[in-house]
Amino acid sequence: MGGHLWRHIQPHAARILPVSNPQQAILLGVLWGWLPCGLVYSTLLWSSAAGSWQQSALLMAAFGLGTLPAMFTTGLLARQVRSIMQKRLTRRIAGAVIIVFGIYTLPLNSLLNL
């Protein structure tokens, strides 16, 4: 259901990009708030099972406050992470790490049957 709703909202969010002022950033944040998210859906299910609407509201508020520091930090550090990820050495190291993890997770029998 969330994916269906997002298909209608996404074109409006795309028109705001690239963000050039704080008002556009706030509007984009409001639209992105409708983006389907498993963590939000699971918390909504949990809060719907609470004993009262007050407990449900408190649970959702706690979820929002708990995720707020991570969201702000992600926004603040996005530019720095982007510049780091655009470096060739970083991409090569990341690719090597993925290959190593892939080999590590292969079952031993698969390696012996090569």
N, C-alpha and C. Protein backbone atom coordinates (compact mmCIF):
# COMPACT_ATOMS: atom_id res chain seq x y z
N MET A 1 0.82 -1.18 0.00
CA MET A 1 0.00 0.00 0.00
C MET A 1 0.87 1.26 0.00
N GLY A 2 1.96 1.24 0.78
CA GLY A 2 2.85 2.40 0.82
C GLY A 2 3.52 2.65 -0.51
N GLY A 3 3.90 1.58 -1.21
CA GLY A 3 4.52 1.72 -2.52
C GLY A 3 3.57 2.36 -3.52
N HIS A 4 2.30 2.00 -3.44
CA HIS A 4 1.29 2.59 -4.33
C HIS A 4 1.16 4.09 -4.05
N LEU A 5 1.10 4.46 -2.79
CA LEU A 5 1.00 5.86 -2.41
C LEU A 5 2.25 6.64 -2.86
N TRP A 6 3.41 6.03 -2.68
CA TRP A 6 4.66 6.71 -3.04
C TRP A 6 4.74 6.97 -4.55
N ARG A 7 4.18 6.11 -5.36
CA ARG A 7 4.19 6.33 -6.82
C ARG A 7 3.48 7.63 -7.19
N HIS A 8 2.51 8.02 -6.38
CA HIS A 8 1.79 9.27 -6.65
C HIS A 8 2.53 10.48 -6.08
N ILE A 9 3.26 10.29 -5.00
CA ILE A 9 3.97 11.40 -4.35
C ILE A 9 5.32 11.65 -5.00
N GLN A 10 5.99 10.61 -5.46
CA GLN A 10 7.36 10.72 -5.98
C GLN A 10 7.53 11.74 -7.09
N PRO A 11 6.62 11.86 -8.06
CA PRO A 11 6.81 12.88 -9.09
C PRO A 11 6.85 14.30 -8.53
N HIS A 12 6.08 14.56 -7.48
CA HIS A 12 6.09 15.89 -6.86
C HIS A 12 7.43 16.13 -6.15
N ALA A 13 7.95 15.10 -5.51
CA ALA A 13 9.25 15.23 -4.84
C ALA A 13 10.36 15.44 -5.87
N ALA A 14 10.28 14.77 -7.00
CA ALA A 14 11.31 14.90 -8.03
C ALA A 14 11.36 16.31 -8.60
N ARG A 15 10.22 16.99 -8.67
CA ARG A 15 10.18 18.35 -9.20
C ARG A 15 10.91 19.35 -8.31
N ILE A 16 11.05 19.03 -7.03
CA ILE A 16 11.71 19.93 -6.08
C ILE A 16 13.23 19.84 -6.21
N LEU A 17 13.73 18.73 -6.71
CA LEU A 17 15.18 18.52 -6.81
C LEU A 17 15.76 19.29 -7.99
N PRO A 18 16.94 19.82 -7.90
CA PRO A 18 17.81 19.93 -6.72
C PRO A 18 17.30 21.02 -5.77
N VAL A 19 17.49 20.79 -4.50
CA VAL A 19 17.03 21.72 -3.47
C VAL A 19 17.96 22.94 -3.47
N SER A 20 17.36 24.13 -3.52
CA SER A 20 18.19 25.34 -3.56
C SER A 20 17.90 26.31 -2.42
N ASN A 21 16.91 26.01 -1.57
CA ASN A 21 16.65 26.88 -0.43
C ASN A 21 16.00 26.06 0.70
N PRO A 22 15.99 26.62 1.92
CA PRO A 22 15.45 25.88 3.07
C PRO A 22 13.98 25.50 2.91
N GLN A 23 13.19 26.33 2.25
CA GLN A 23 11.77 26.01 2.09
C GLN A 23 11.59 24.76 1.23
N GLN A 24 12.40 24.64 0.17
CA GLN A 24 12.33 23.44 -0.66
C GLN A 24 12.77 22.22 0.13
N ALA A 25 13.79 22.38 0.98
CA ALA A 25 14.27 21.26 1.79
C ALA A 25 13.19 20.77 2.74
N ILE A 26 12.48 21.71 3.35
CA ILE A 26 11.40 21.32 4.27
C ILE A 26 10.27 20.62 3.50
N LEU A 27 9.88 21.17 2.36
CA LEU A 27 8.83 20.55 1.56
C LEU A 27 9.23 19.16 1.10
N LEU A 28 10.48 19.01 0.67
CA LEU A 28 10.96 17.69 0.25
C LEU A 28 10.95 16.71 1.43
N GLY A 29 11.34 17.18 2.60
CA GLY A 29 11.30 16.34 3.79
C GLY A 29 9.89 15.88 4.13
N VAL A 30 8.93 16.77 3.97
CA VAL A 30 7.52 16.41 4.22
C VAL A 30 7.08 15.34 3.22
N LEU A 31 7.43 15.51 1.95
CA LEU A 31 7.06 14.51 0.94
C LEU A 31 7.77 13.19 1.19
N TRP A 32 9.07 13.25 1.51
CA TRP A 32 9.81 12.02 1.77
C TRP A 32 9.32 11.30 3.02
N GLY A 33 8.63 12.02 3.87
CA GLY A 33 8.05 11.38 5.05
C GLY A 33 7.03 10.30 4.69
N TRP A 34 6.52 10.35 3.46
CA TRP A 34 5.56 9.34 2.99
C TRP A 34 6.25 8.16 2.32
N LEU A 35 7.58 8.20 2.22
CA LEU A 35 8.34 7.11 1.60
C LEU A 35 8.14 5.83 2.42
N PRO A 36 7.82 4.72 1.77
CA PRO A 36 7.63 3.47 2.50
C PRO A 36 8.90 3.07 3.27
N CYS A 37 8.74 2.76 4.54
CA CYS A 37 9.88 2.41 5.38
C CYS A 37 9.45 1.27 6.32
N GLY A 38 10.16 0.18 6.24
CA GLY A 38 9.84 -0.98 7.07
C GLY A 38 9.89 -0.70 8.55
N LEU A 39 10.86 0.12 8.99
CA LEU A 39 10.95 0.43 10.42
C LEU A 39 9.73 1.21 10.89
N VAL A 40 9.28 2.16 10.09
CA VAL A 40 8.10 2.93 10.46
C VAL A 40 6.87 2.03 10.48
N TYR A 41 6.73 1.18 9.47
CA TYR A 41 5.57 0.29 9.42
C TYR A 41 5.56 -0.67 10.61
N SER A 42 6.72 -1.20 10.98
CA SER A 42 6.74 -2.12 12.12
C SER A 42 6.42 -1.38 13.42
N THR A 43 6.88 -0.14 13.55
CA THR A 43 6.56 0.64 14.74
C THR A 43 5.08 1.01 14.76
N LEU A 44 4.51 1.29 13.59
CA LEU A 44 3.06 1.56 13.53
C LEU A 44 2.26 0.34 13.96
N LEU A 45 2.69 -0.85 13.52
CA LEU A 45 2.00 -2.07 13.96
C LEU A 45 2.10 -2.23 15.47
N TRP A 46 3.30 -2.00 15.99
CA TRP A 46 3.53 -2.12 17.42
C TRP A 46 2.66 -1.12 18.19
N SER A 47 2.62 0.12 17.71
CA SER A 47 1.83 1.13 18.42
C SER A 47 0.33 0.86 18.30
N SER A 48 -0.09 0.24 17.20
CA SER A 48 -1.52 -0.06 17.06
C SER A 48 -1.96 -1.14 18.05
N ALA A 49 -1.01 -1.91 18.55
CA ALA A 49 -1.34 -2.95 19.52
C ALA A 49 -1.25 -2.43 20.96
N ALA A 50 -0.89 -1.16 21.13
CA ALA A 50 -0.79 -0.59 22.47
C ALA A 50 -2.18 -0.51 23.10
N GLY A 51 -2.21 -0.36 24.39
CA GLY A 51 -3.48 -0.39 25.11
C GLY A 51 -4.37 0.82 24.90
N SER A 52 -3.80 1.96 24.54
CA SER A 52 -4.61 3.16 24.37
C SER A 52 -3.99 4.05 23.29
N TRP A 53 -4.76 5.06 22.86
CA TRP A 53 -4.22 5.96 21.85
C TRP A 53 -3.07 6.78 22.42
N GLN A 54 -3.11 7.05 23.75
CA GLN A 54 -2.03 7.81 24.37
C GLN A 54 -0.72 7.02 24.33
N GLN A 55 -0.80 5.72 24.62
CA GLN A 55 0.41 4.88 24.54
C GLN A 55 0.90 4.77 23.10
N SER A 56 -0.02 4.67 22.16
CA SER A 56 0.37 4.61 20.75
C SER A 56 1.07 5.89 20.33
N ALA A 57 0.51 7.03 20.71
CA ALA A 57 1.11 8.32 20.37
C ALA A 57 2.47 8.47 21.01
N LEU A 58 2.59 8.04 22.26
CA LEU A 58 3.88 8.13 22.96
C LEU A 58 4.93 7.25 22.30
N LEU A 59 4.54 6.07 21.88
CA LEU A 59 5.46 5.16 21.21
C LEU A 59 5.94 5.75 19.88
N MET A 60 5.03 6.30 19.10
CA MET A 60 5.42 6.89 17.82
C MET A 60 6.29 8.13 18.03
N ALA A 61 5.98 8.92 19.05
CA ALA A 61 6.81 10.10 19.35
C ALA A 61 8.21 9.67 19.77
N ALA A 62 8.29 8.62 20.59
CA ALA A 62 9.61 8.12 21.00
C ALA A 62 10.40 7.60 19.81
N PHE A 63 9.71 6.93 18.88
CA PHE A 63 10.37 6.46 17.67
C PHE A 63 10.91 7.65 16.87
N GLY A 64 10.09 8.66 16.70
CA GLY A 64 10.52 9.85 15.96
C GLY A 64 11.70 10.53 16.62
N LEU A 65 11.64 10.72 17.92
CA LEU A 65 12.75 11.35 18.64
C LEU A 65 14.01 10.48 18.62
N GLY A 66 13.82 9.19 18.66
CA GLY A 66 14.96 8.28 18.64
C GLY A 66 15.68 8.25 17.30
N THR A 67 14.94 8.46 16.22
CA THR A 67 15.57 8.45 14.90
C THR A 67 16.06 9.83 14.47
N LEU A 68 15.63 10.88 15.16
CA LEU A 68 16.00 12.24 14.79
C LEU A 68 17.51 12.47 14.77
N PRO A 69 18.28 12.04 15.78
CA PRO A 69 19.74 12.26 15.71
C PRO A 69 20.39 11.58 14.50
N ALA A 70 19.95 10.39 14.19
CA ALA A 70 20.53 9.70 13.04
C ALA A 70 20.19 10.42 11.74
N MET A 71 18.97 10.93 11.62
CA MET A 71 18.57 11.64 10.41
C MET A 71 19.34 12.94 10.25
N PHE A 72 19.50 13.70 11.33
CA PHE A 72 20.27 14.93 11.26
C PHE A 72 21.74 14.66 10.92
N THR A 73 22.31 13.65 11.56
CA THR A 73 23.71 13.30 11.29
C THR A 73 23.90 12.87 9.86
N THR A 74 22.99 12.07 9.35
CA THR A 74 23.07 11.64 7.96
C THR A 74 23.03 12.83 7.02
N GLY A 75 22.14 13.75 7.28
CA GLY A 75 22.06 14.94 6.44
C GLY A 75 23.31 15.79 6.50
N LEU A 76 23.87 15.94 7.69
CA LEU A 76 25.07 16.77 7.84
C LEU A 76 26.30 16.13 7.22
N LEU A 77 26.39 14.81 7.30
CA LEU A 77 27.60 14.13 6.81
C LEU A 77 27.49 13.66 5.36
N ALA A 78 26.34 13.83 4.74
CA ALA A 78 26.13 13.30 3.38
C ALA A 78 27.14 13.87 2.39
N ARG A 79 27.42 15.16 2.45
CA ARG A 79 28.35 15.77 1.50
C ARG A 79 29.77 15.22 1.69
N GLN A 80 30.19 15.06 2.95
CA GLN A 80 31.53 14.53 3.20
C GLN A 80 31.65 13.09 2.73
N VAL A 81 30.64 12.29 3.00
CA VAL A 81 30.66 10.89 2.57
C VAL A 81 30.66 10.81 1.05
N ARG A 82 29.90 11.67 0.42
CA ARG A 82 29.85 11.67 -1.05
C ARG A 82 31.23 11.97 -1.64
N SER A 83 31.91 12.95 -1.10
CA SER A 83 33.24 13.28 -1.64
C SER A 83 34.23 12.14 -1.40
N ILE A 84 34.11 11.46 -0.28
CA ILE A 84 34.99 10.32 0.00
C ILE A 84 34.68 9.17 -0.96
N MET A 85 33.39 8.91 -1.19
CA MET A 85 33.00 7.79 -2.05
C MET A 85 33.32 8.02 -3.52
N GLN A 86 33.55 9.26 -3.92
CA GLN A 86 33.87 9.54 -5.31
C GLN A 86 35.35 9.32 -5.62
N LYS A 87 36.15 9.10 -4.59
CA LYS A 87 37.58 8.85 -4.81
C LYS A 87 37.78 7.44 -5.34
N ARG A 88 38.66 7.32 -6.30
CA ARG A 88 38.91 6.03 -6.95
C ARG A 88 39.42 4.98 -5.96
N LEU A 89 40.34 5.37 -5.07
CA LEU A 89 40.90 4.43 -4.10
C LEU A 89 39.81 3.88 -3.18
N THR A 90 38.91 4.75 -2.74
CA THR A 90 37.82 4.31 -1.86
C THR A 90 36.94 3.28 -2.56
N ARG A 91 36.61 3.53 -3.83
CA ARG A 91 35.76 2.57 -4.56
C ARG A 91 36.48 1.24 -4.76
N ARG A 92 37.78 1.29 -5.01
CA ARG A 92 38.52 0.03 -5.17
C ARG A 92 38.59 -0.76 -3.87
N ILE A 93 38.82 -0.06 -2.77
CA ILE A 93 38.86 -0.73 -1.47
C ILE A 93 37.49 -1.32 -1.15
N ALA A 94 36.41 -0.56 -1.40
CA ALA A 94 35.05 -1.06 -1.14
C ALA A 94 34.77 -2.29 -2.00
N GLY A 95 35.17 -2.26 -3.27
CA GLY A 95 34.98 -3.42 -4.14
C GLY A 95 35.75 -4.63 -3.64
N ALA A 96 36.98 -4.42 -3.19
CA ALA A 96 37.78 -5.53 -2.66
C ALA A 96 37.15 -6.11 -1.40
N VAL A 97 36.63 -5.26 -0.54
CA VAL A 97 35.99 -5.74 0.69
C VAL A 97 34.76 -6.57 0.35
N ILE A 98 33.97 -6.14 -0.63
CA ILE A 98 32.79 -6.90 -1.04
C ILE A 98 33.20 -8.27 -1.59
N ILE A 99 34.25 -8.31 -2.39
CA ILE A 99 34.74 -9.58 -2.94
C ILE A 99 35.21 -10.50 -1.82
N VAL A 100 35.96 -9.95 -0.87
CA VAL A 100 36.46 -10.76 0.26
C VAL A 100 35.29 -11.31 1.08
N PHE A 101 34.29 -10.47 1.37
CA PHE A 101 33.13 -10.97 2.10
C PHE A 101 32.38 -12.03 1.31
N GLY A 102 32.28 -11.85 0.01
CA GLY A 102 31.63 -12.86 -0.83
C GLY A 102 32.34 -14.19 -0.76
N ILE A 103 33.67 -14.17 -0.85
CA ILE A 103 34.45 -15.41 -0.75
C ILE A 103 34.33 -16.02 0.64
N TYR A 104 34.35 -15.17 1.66
CA TYR A 104 34.25 -15.64 3.04
C TYR A 104 32.92 -16.34 3.29
N THR A 105 31.85 -15.86 2.66
CA THR A 105 30.54 -16.45 2.92
C THR A 105 30.24 -17.67 2.05
N LEU A 106 31.10 -17.99 1.11
CA LEU A 106 30.89 -19.22 0.35
C LEU A 106 31.05 -20.43 1.26
N PRO A 107 30.19 -21.38 1.13
CA PRO A 107 30.35 -22.60 1.94
C PRO A 107 31.67 -23.31 1.57
N LEU A 108 32.30 -23.93 2.53
CA LEU A 108 33.57 -24.62 2.33
C LEU A 108 33.43 -25.69 1.25
N ASN A 109 32.30 -26.38 1.21
CA ASN A 109 32.09 -27.42 0.18
C ASN A 109 32.15 -26.84 -1.23
N SER A 110 31.61 -25.65 -1.41
CA SER A 110 31.65 -25.02 -2.73
C SER A 110 33.08 -24.75 -3.16
N LEU A 111 33.91 -24.33 -2.20
CA LEU A 111 35.31 -24.06 -2.53
C LEU A 111 36.06 -25.34 -2.88
N LEU A 112 35.75 -26.44 -2.17
CA LEU A 112 36.44 -27.69 -2.42
C LEU A 112 36.01 -28.32 -3.75
N ASN A 113 34.82 -28.03 -4.21
CA ASN A 113 34.32 -28.60 -5.46
C ASN A 113 34.75 -27.81 -6.69
N LEU A 114 35.49 -26.73 -6.51
CA LEU A 114 35.94 -25.95 -7.67
C LEU A 114 36.90 -26.71 -8.44
